[in-house]
Amino acid sequence: MGFSFASWASRIPDIKTKLQLNEAQLGTVLLCLPLGQLLMMPFSGRLVTKYGP
């Protein structure tokens, strides 16, 4: 997971330019990524319990 994040993190300036985001919009996107992961953890735990890994 760390390797994939490191390869993605180095591309943040390119993504910002391609999507024409300002600093506030980019910060919002970067904040929403971990918040979404935290919110989905209970649901993914239930799915793994029900269906298996």
Protein backbone atom coordinates (compact mmCIF):
# COMPACT_ATOMS: atom_id res chain seq x y z
CA MET A 1 0.00 0.00 0.00
CA GLY A 2 2.82 2.37 0.82
CA PHE A 3 4.48 1.80 -2.54
CA SER A 4 1.29 2.52 -4.45
CA PHE A 5 0.67 5.68 -2.41
CA ALA A 6 4.23 6.84 -2.97
CA SER A 7 3.90 6.43 -6.71
CA TRP A 8 0.57 8.30 -6.66
CA ALA A 9 1.78 11.04 -4.32
CA SER A 10 4.58 12.00 -6.68
CA ARG A 11 1.98 12.65 -9.40
CA ILE A 12 -0.18 15.06 -7.35
CA PRO A 13 1.15 18.19 -9.12
CA ASP A 14 0.45 16.63 -12.53
CA ILE A 15 -3.08 15.64 -11.48
CA LYS A 16 -3.68 19.14 -10.11
CA THR A 17 -2.62 20.68 -13.40
CA LYS A 18 -4.58 18.24 -15.57
CA LEU A 19 -7.81 18.69 -13.58
CA GLN A 20 -7.21 22.46 -13.26
CA LEU A 21 -7.66 22.46 -9.47
CA ASN A 22 -6.66 25.28 -7.17
CA GLU A 23 -5.04 24.65 -3.79
CA ALA A 24 -8.34 24.62 -1.88
CA GLN A 25 -9.94 22.13 -4.25
CA LEU A 26 -6.89 19.89 -4.20
CA GLY A 27 -6.80 20.02 -0.41
CA THR A 28 -10.47 19.04 -0.25
CA VAL A 29 -9.87 16.07 -2.54
CA LEU A 30 -6.84 14.97 -0.51
CA LEU A 31 -8.86 15.28 2.71
CA CYS A 32 -11.84 13.34 1.36
CA LEU A 33 -9.77 10.31 0.34
CA PRO A 34 -8.88 9.17 3.89
CA LEU A 35 -12.28 10.25 5.23
CA GLY A 36 -13.97 8.02 2.68
CA GLN A 37 -11.70 5.14 3.65
CA LEU A 38 -12.55 5.56 7.32
CA LEU A 39 -16.27 5.75 6.63
CA MET A 40 -16.23 2.59 4.51
CA MET A 41 -14.24 0.42 6.95
CA PRO A 42 -17.29 -0.88 8.86
CA PHE A 43 -19.04 -1.82 5.61
CA SER A 44 -15.99 -3.51 4.14
CA GLY A 45 -15.53 -5.45 7.40
CA ARG A 46 -19.08 -6.76 7.13
CA LEU A 47 -18.58 -7.69 3.49
CA VAL A 48 -15.38 -9.56 4.25
CA THR A 49 -17.07 -11.39 7.10
CA LYS A 50 -19.99 -12.37 4.87
CA TYR A 51 -18.16 -13.25 1.65
CA GLY A 52 -14.59 -13.86 2.79
CA PRO A 53 -11.43 -12.23 1.52
